[in-house]
C-alpha atoms as a PDB file:
ATOM      1  CA  MET A   1       0.010  -0.053   0.013  1.00  0.00           C
ATOM      2  CA  ALA A   2       1.412   3.349  -0.952  1.00  0.00           C
ATOM      3  CA  VAL A   3       1.434   5.910   1.990  1.00  0.00           C
ATOM      4  CA  ASP A   4       1.465   9.565   1.350  1.00  0.00           C
ATOM      5  CA  PRO A   5       2.185  11.331   4.553  1.00  0.00           C
ATOM      6  CA  LYS A   6       0.115  14.399   3.633  1.00  0.00           C
ATOM      7  CA  HIS A   7      -2.987  12.210   3.388  1.00  0.00           C
ATOM      8  CA  THR A   8      -2.098   9.972   6.231  1.00  0.00           C
ATOM      9  CA  ALA A   9      -3.196  10.044   9.799  1.00  0.00           C
ATOM     10  CA  LEU A  10      -1.598   7.936  12.773  1.00  0.00           C
ATOM     11  CA  VAL A  11      -4.543   7.401  15.189  1.00  0.00           C
ATOM     12  CA  LEU A  12      -3.369   6.652  18.661  1.00  0.00           C
ATOM     13  CA  ILE A  13      -6.090   4.897  20.611  1.00  0.00           C
ATOM     14  CA  GLU A  14      -6.348   5.119  24.334  1.00  0.00           C
ATOM     15  CA  TYR A  15      -2.576   5.577  25.248  1.00  0.00           C
ATOM     16  CA  GLN A  16      -3.611   6.732  28.693  1.00  0.00           C
ATOM     17  CA  ASN A  17      -2.108   5.977  32.162  1.00  0.00           C
ATOM     18  CA  ASP A  18      -4.831   3.667  33.255  1.00  0.00           C
ATOM     19  CA  PHE A  19      -3.685   1.321  30.168  1.00  0.00           C
ATOM     20  CA  THR A  20       0.097   2.296  29.737  1.00  0.00           C
ATOM     21  CA  SER A  21       1.466   2.990  33.145  1.00  0.00           C
ATOM     22  CA  GLU A  22       2.245   1.298  36.448  1.00  0.00           C
ATOM     23  CA  GLY A  23      -0.516   2.042  38.973  1.00  0.00           C
ATOM     24  CA  GLY A  24      -3.085   2.302  36.214  1.00  0.00           C
ATOM     25  CA  ALA A  25      -6.424   0.741  36.856  1.00  0.00           C
ATOM     26  CA  LEU A  26      -6.009  -1.562  33.707  1.00  0.00           C
ATOM     27  CA  HIS A  27      -2.239  -1.793  33.168  1.00  0.00           C
ATOM     28  CA  GLY A  28      -2.013  -5.084  34.977  1.00  0.00           C
ATOM     29  CA  ALA A  29      -4.272  -6.571  32.478  1.00  0.00           C
ATOM     30  CA  VAL A  30      -2.314  -5.389  29.358  1.00  0.00           C
ATOM     31  CA  GLN A  31       1.215  -5.256  30.932  1.00  0.00           C
ATOM     32  CA  GLY A  32       2.115  -8.735  29.584  1.00  0.00           C
ATOM     33  CA  VAL A  33       1.228  -8.157  25.969  1.00  0.00           C
ATOM     34  CA  MET A  34       2.578  -4.548  26.119  1.00  0.00           C
ATOM     35  CA  GLU A  35       6.152  -5.951  27.186  1.00  0.00           C
ATOM     36  CA  SER A  36       5.988  -8.863  24.709  1.00  0.00           C
ATOM     37  CA  THR A  37       5.587  -6.660  21.787  1.00  0.00           C
ATOM     38  CA  GLY A  38       7.311  -3.426  23.018  1.00  0.00           C
ATOM     39  CA  MET A  39       4.410  -1.440  21.814  1.00  0.00           C
ATOM     40  CA  LEU A  40       4.836   1.721  23.816  1.00  0.00           C
ATOM     41  CA  ASP A  41       8.496   2.313  22.826  1.00  0.00           C
ATOM     42  CA  ASN A  42       7.550   1.249  19.091  1.00  0.00           C
ATOM     43  CA  THR A  43       4.780   3.808  19.089  1.00  0.00           C
ATOM     44  CA  ARG A  44       6.900   6.756  20.524  1.00  0.00           C
ATOM     45  CA  ARG A  45       9.543   6.004  17.801  1.00  0.00           C
ATOM     46  CA  LEU A  46       6.733   5.772  15.136  1.00  0.00           C
ATOM     47  CA  VAL A  47       5.129   9.062  16.158  1.00  0.00           C
ATOM     48  CA  GLU A  48       8.341  10.916  15.980  1.00  0.00           C
ATOM     49  CA  ALA A  49       9.040   9.482  12.419  1.00  0.00           C
ATOM     50  CA  ALA A  50       5.337   9.999  11.327  1.00  0.00           C
ATOM     51  CA  ARG A  51       5.512  13.866  12.426  1.00  0.00           C
ATOM     52  CA  ALA A  52       8.927  14.240  10.835  1.00  0.00           C
ATOM     53  CA  ALA A  53       7.515  12.951   7.602  1.00  0.00           C
ATOM     54  CA  GLY A  54       4.425  15.257   7.689  1.00  0.00           C
ATOM     55  CA  ALA A  55       1.733  12.817   8.628  1.00  0.00           C
ATOM     56  CA  THR A  56      -1.207  13.890  11.009  1.00  0.00           C
ATOM     57  CA  ILE A  57      -0.916  12.581  14.417  1.00  0.00           C
ATOM     58  CA  VAL A  58      -4.437  12.009  16.267  1.00  0.00           C
ATOM     59  CA  HIS A  59      -4.972  11.158  19.695  1.00  0.00           C
ATOM     60  CA  ALA A  60      -8.098   9.268  20.764  1.00  0.00           C
ATOM     61  CA  PRO A  61      -8.429   9.024  24.587  1.00  0.00           C
ATOM     62  CA  ILE A  62     -11.632   7.705  26.316  1.00  0.00           C
ATOM     63  CA  THR A  63     -13.108   9.624  29.098  1.00  0.00           C
ATOM     64  CA  PHE A  64     -16.099   9.554  31.451  1.00  0.00           C
ATOM     65  CA  VAL A  65     -17.465  12.001  34.110  1.00  0.00           C
ATOM     66  CA  PRO A  66     -17.239  10.655  37.727  1.00  0.00           C
ATOM     67  CA  GLY A  67     -20.098   8.048  38.119  1.00  0.00           C
ATOM     68  CA  TYR A  68     -20.097   7.199  34.570  1.00  0.00           C
ATOM     69  CA  GLY A  69     -23.307   9.107  33.657  1.00  0.00           C
ATOM     70  CA  GLU A  70     -22.744   8.667  29.954  1.00  0.00           C
ATOM     71  CA  LEU A  71     -23.330   4.902  30.347  1.00  0.00           C
ATOM     72  CA  SER A  72     -26.243   2.960  31.016  1.00  0.00           C
ATOM     73  CA  ALA A  73     -27.160   2.014  34.626  1.00  0.00           C
ATOM     74  CA  HIS A  74     -26.239  -1.554  34.072  1.00  0.00           C
ATOM     75  CA  PRO A  75     -23.375  -1.669  31.578  1.00  0.00           C
ATOM     76  CA  TYR A  76     -22.001  -5.056  30.484  1.00  0.00           C
ATOM     77  CA  GLY A  77     -19.060  -6.589  28.775  1.00  0.00           C
ATOM     78  CA  ILE A  78     -15.946  -4.413  28.137  1.00  0.00           C
ATOM     79  CA  LEU A  79     -17.555  -1.196  29.504  1.00  0.00           C
ATOM     80  CA  LYS A  80     -18.655  -2.872  32.642  1.00  0.00           C
ATOM     81  CA  GLY A  81     -14.979  -3.607  33.286  1.00  0.00           C
ATOM     82  CA  VAL A  82     -14.224   0.049  32.719  1.00  0.00           C
ATOM     83  CA  VAL A  83     -16.744   1.051  35.311  1.00  0.00           C
ATOM     84  CA  ASP A  84     -15.859  -1.673  37.865  1.00  0.00           C
ATOM     85  CA  SER A  85     -12.285  -0.673  37.728  1.00  0.00           C
ATOM     86  CA  THR A  86     -13.104   3.048  37.815  1.00  0.00           C
ATOM     87  CA  ALA A  87     -10.968   3.661  34.841  1.00  0.00           C
ATOM     88  CA  PHE A  88     -10.556   6.712  32.505  1.00  0.00           C
ATOM     89  CA  VAL A  89     -12.441   9.310  34.806  1.00  0.00           C
ATOM     90  CA  LYS A  90     -12.045  12.851  33.401  1.00  0.00           C
ATOM     91  CA  GLY A  91      -9.798  14.880  35.175  1.00  0.00           C
ATOM     92  CA  GLU A  92      -7.770  12.171  36.986  1.00  0.00           C
ATOM     93  CA  TRP A  93      -4.299  10.976  36.333  1.00  0.00           C
ATOM     94  CA  GLY A  94      -5.463   7.586  34.823  1.00  0.00           C
ATOM     95  CA  ALA A  95      -7.426   9.275  32.035  1.00  0.00           C
ATOM     96  CA  GLU A  96      -4.302  11.472  30.921  1.00  0.00           C
ATOM     97  CA  ILE A  97      -2.192  10.555  27.871  1.00  0.00           C
ATOM     98  CA  VAL A  98       1.003   9.022  28.835  1.00  0.00           C
ATOM     99  CA  ASP A  99       3.836  11.535  28.999  1.00  0.00           C
ATOM    100  CA  ALA A 100       5.908   9.539  26.380  1.00  0.00           C
ATOM    101  CA  LEU A 101       3.144  10.211  23.904  1.00  0.00           C
ATOM    102  CA  ALA A 102       1.892  13.779  25.093  1.00  0.00           C
ATOM    103  CA  PRO A 103       0.351  15.739  22.281  1.00  0.00           C
ATOM    104  CA  GLN A 104       2.438  18.023  20.408  1.00  0.00           C
ATOM    105  CA  GLU A 105       1.791  21.258  18.675  1.00  0.00           C
ATOM    106  CA  GLY A 106      -0.132  20.392  15.553  1.00  0.00           C
ATOM    107  CA  ASP A 107      -1.444  17.210  16.861  1.00  0.00           C
ATOM    108  CA  VAL A 108      -5.227  16.605  16.936  1.00  0.00           C
ATOM    109  CA  VAL A 109      -6.835  15.315  20.109  1.00  0.00           C
ATOM    110  CA  VAL A 110     -10.262  13.895  19.361  1.00  0.00           C
ATOM    111  CA  GLU A 111     -12.898  14.491  22.149  1.00  0.00           C
ATOM    112  CA  GLY A 112     -15.983  12.695  22.981  1.00  0.00           C
ATOM    113  CA  LYS A 113     -14.961   8.995  22.874  1.00  0.00           C
ATOM    114  CA  ARG A 114     -17.142   7.215  25.182  1.00  0.00           C
ATOM    115  CA  GLY A 115     -17.392   3.651  23.508  1.00  0.00           C
ATOM    116  CA  LEU A 116     -15.177   1.262  21.357  1.00  0.00           C
ATOM    117  CA  ASP A 117     -15.388   2.561  17.910  1.00  0.00           C
ATOM    118  CA  THR A 118     -13.458   5.853  17.751  1.00  0.00           C
ATOM    119  CA  PHE A 119     -15.637   6.954  14.769  1.00  0.00           C
ATOM    120  CA  ALA A 120     -18.886   6.510  16.813  1.00  0.00           C
ATOM    121  CA  THR A 121     -19.128   9.310  19.234  1.00  0.00           C
ATOM    122  CA  THR A 122     -16.611  11.757  18.015  1.00  0.00           C
ATOM    123  CA  ASN A 123     -15.933  13.962  15.105  1.00  0.00           C
ATOM    124  CA  LEU A 124     -13.067  12.012  13.996  1.00  0.00           C
ATOM    125  CA  ASP A 125     -14.365  11.445  10.352  1.00  0.00           C
ATOM    126  CA  PHE A 126     -15.035  15.139   9.913  1.00  0.00           C
ATOM    127  CA  ILE A 127     -11.491  15.891  10.978  1.00  0.00           C
ATOM    128  CA  LEU A 128      -9.988  13.374   8.724  1.00  0.00           C
ATOM    129  CA  ARG A 129     -11.899  14.449   5.748  1.00  0.00           C
ATOM    130  CA  ALA A 130     -11.467  18.111   6.412  1.00  0.00           C
ATOM    131  CA  ARG A 131      -7.643  17.475   6.271  1.00  0.00           C
ATOM    132  CA  GLY A 132      -7.853  15.315   3.199  1.00  0.00           C
ATOM    133  CA  ILE A 133      -6.849  12.144   4.945  1.00  0.00           C
ATOM    134  CA  THR A 134      -7.420   9.066   2.972  1.00  0.00           C
ATOM    135  CA  THR A 135      -5.187   6.696   4.939  1.00  0.00           C
ATOM    136  CA  ILE A 136      -5.400   5.932   8.644  1.00  0.00           C
ATOM    137  CA  ALA A 137      -2.828   3.843  10.551  1.00  0.00           C
ATOM    138  CA  LEU A 138      -4.189   2.492  13.824  1.00  0.00           C
ATOM    139  CA  SER A 139      -2.364   1.635  17.149  1.00  0.00           C
ATOM    140  CA  GLY A 140      -3.159   1.422  20.817  1.00  0.00           C
ATOM    141  CA  PHE A 141      -5.678  -0.434  23.072  1.00  0.00           C
ATOM    142  CA  LEU A 142      -7.255  -3.153  23.051  1.00  0.00           C
ATOM    143  CA  THR A 143      -6.040  -5.052  19.906  1.00  0.00           C
ATOM    144  CA  ASN A 144      -9.269  -6.937  19.699  1.00  0.00           C
ATOM    145  CA  CYS A 145     -11.650  -4.079  20.868  1.00  0.00           C
ATOM    146  CA  CYS A 146     -11.344  -0.376  20.204  1.00  0.00           C
ATOM    147  CA  VAL A 147      -8.672  -0.873  17.654  1.00  0.00           C
ATOM    148  CA  GLU A 148     -10.756  -3.506  15.864  1.00  0.00           C
ATOM    149  CA  SER A 149     -13.837  -1.607  16.129  1.00  0.00           C
ATOM    150  CA  THR A 150     -12.249   1.578  14.659  1.00  0.00           C
ATOM    151  CA  MET A 151     -10.610  -0.528  11.869  1.00  0.00           C
ATOM    152  CA  ARG A 152     -13.897  -1.983  10.822  1.00  0.00           C
ATOM    153  CA  THR A 153     -15.608   1.343  10.523  1.00  0.00           C
ATOM    154  CA  GLY A 154     -12.585   2.938   8.945  1.00  0.00           C
ATOM    155  CA  TYR A 155     -12.947   0.212   6.218  1.00  0.00           C
ATOM    156  CA  GLU A 156     -16.655   0.740   5.758  1.00  0.00           C
ATOM    157  CA  LYS A 157     -16.152   4.466   5.496  1.00  0.00           C
ATOM    158  CA  GLY A 158     -13.665   3.967   2.585  1.00  0.00           C
ATOM    159  CA  TYR A 159     -10.479   4.835   4.326  1.00  0.00           C
ATOM    160  CA  ALA A 160      -7.353   2.764   3.338  1.00  0.00           C
ATOM    161  CA  VAL A 161      -6.733   1.308   6.711  1.00  0.00           C
ATOM    162  CA  ILE A 162      -3.385   0.068   8.136  1.00  0.00           C
ATOM    163  CA  THR A 163      -3.107  -1.756  11.544  1.00  0.00           C
ATOM    164  CA  LEU A 164       0.152  -1.645  13.259  1.00  0.00           C
ATOM    165  CA  SER A 165       0.868  -5.203  14.475  1.00  0.00           C
ATOM    166  CA  ASP A 166       3.552  -4.204  16.984  1.00  0.00           C
ATOM    167  CA  CYS A 167       1.727  -0.992  18.282  1.00  0.00           C
ATOM    168  CA  VAL A 168      -1.090  -2.665  19.796  1.00  0.00           C
ATOM    169  CA  ALA A 169      -1.886  -4.582  23.015  1.00  0.00           C
ATOM    170  CA  ALA A 170      -4.677  -6.735  24.544  1.00  0.00           C
ATOM    171  CA  THR A 171      -5.460  -8.344  27.677  1.00  0.00           C
ATOM    172  CA  SER A 172      -3.972 -11.810  26.647  1.00  0.00           C
ATOM    173  CA  SER A 173      -1.604 -12.953  23.998  1.00  0.00           C
ATOM    174  CA  GLU A 174      -4.297 -15.213  22.622  1.00  0.00           C
ATOM    175  CA  GLU A 175      -6.698 -12.458  21.902  1.00  0.00           C
ATOM    176  CA  HIS A 176      -4.008 -10.079  20.557  1.00  0.00           C
ATOM    177  CA  GLU A 177      -2.585 -12.739  18.201  1.00  0.00           C
ATOM    178  CA  ASN A 178      -6.003 -13.907  16.991  1.00  0.00           C
ATOM    179  CA  ALA A 179      -7.230 -10.422  16.105  1.00  0.00           C
ATOM    180  CA  ILE A 180      -4.075  -9.747  14.080  1.00  0.00           C
ATOM    181  CA  ARG A 181      -3.992 -13.171  12.409  1.00  0.00           C
ATOM    182  CA  PHE A 182      -7.701 -13.586  11.644  1.00  0.00           C
ATOM    183  CA  ASP A 183      -9.617 -10.337  11.875  1.00  0.00           C
ATOM    184  CA  TYR A 184      -7.062  -7.525  10.815  1.00  0.00           C
ATOM    185  CA  PRO A 185      -6.451  -8.772   7.406  1.00  0.00           C
ATOM    186  CA  MET A 186     -10.148  -8.699   6.375  1.00  0.00           C
ATOM    187  CA  PHE A 187     -10.412  -5.097   6.989  1.00  0.00           C
ATOM    188  CA  SER A 188      -6.765  -3.582   6.865  1.00  0.00           C
ATOM    189  CA  GLU A 189      -3.287  -4.108   5.647  1.00  0.00           C
ATOM    190  CA  VAL A 190      -1.288  -5.323   8.629  1.00  0.00           C
ATOM    191  CA  MET A 191       2.093  -3.719   9.058  1.00  0.00           C
ATOM    192  CA  THR A 192       4.876  -3.333  11.622  1.00  0.00           C
ATOM    193  CA  SER A 193       5.923  -0.086  12.796  1.00  0.00           C
ATOM    194  CA  GLU A 194       9.267  -0.359  10.874  1.00  0.00           C
ATOM    195  CA  ALA A 195       7.583  -1.069   7.658  1.00  0.00           C
ATOM    196  CA  PHE A 196       5.009   1.756   8.178  1.00  0.00           C
ATOM    197  CA  THR A 197       7.887   4.169   9.039  1.00  0.00           C
ATOM    198  CA  GLY A 198       9.784   2.978   6.018  1.00  0.00           C
ATOM    199  CA  ALA A 199       6.720   3.651   3.814  1.00  0.00           C
ATOM    200  CA  LEU A 200       6.296   7.135   5.139  1.00  0.00           C
ATOM    201  CA  GLN A 201       9.927   8.076   4.987  1.00  0.00           C
ATOM    202  CA  GLY A 202      10.078   6.646   1.381  1.00  0.00           C
ATOM    203  CA  ALA A 203       7.133   8.728   0.295  1.00  0.00           C
ATOM    204  CA  ALA A 204       8.487  11.899   2.118  1.00  0.00           C
ATOM    205  CA  ALA A 205      11.829  11.602   0.372  1.00  0.00           C
ATOM    206  CA  ALA A 206      10.411  10.959  -3.022  1.00  0.00           C
ATOM    207  CA  ALA A 207       8.286  14.198  -2.614  1.00  0.00           C
ATOM    208  CA  ALA A 208      11.286  16.251  -1.639  1.00  0.00           C
END
């Protein structure tokens, strides 16, 4: 897949302390897969390279007001896990984007994510189309949940979707590997961060 940095966005899904950092409400659940893939360091290096190449960096955190008033009175599934662990509460440390990936000038921070699909409750689609973005590269948490949900919608909306296999993590290696092996190839082109960086840099050099 050809990657033109001017028309490409790197979407960083939920790189927040509750997932990424020691003491985060859900860090223990994803720590094993994070460490096995080195996803945080891979993402940090990729973001620097993508910025330098001229790609758009989009941060997509999920947040809720204290008490989770945005959700139903009896959430179930993955969102019940968020509520039970009191994760991603707006204004608290756990909901903040990890320092290593703190938004920089020129980045976009999408607001309003309250569920799994990053497109569903935000203006992400509007932002991307306004900027002429045709390719999205997805990374973050969870491999088989928010990243996968966003991938499927991006595919349906006509974007060229890339999923970054070493910049995602799930709560188990089985879930992580199955999503990448079986689901991702149906709705995206699966690439490593190194391959994606090479594609961006190659395109940037050719345009120079």
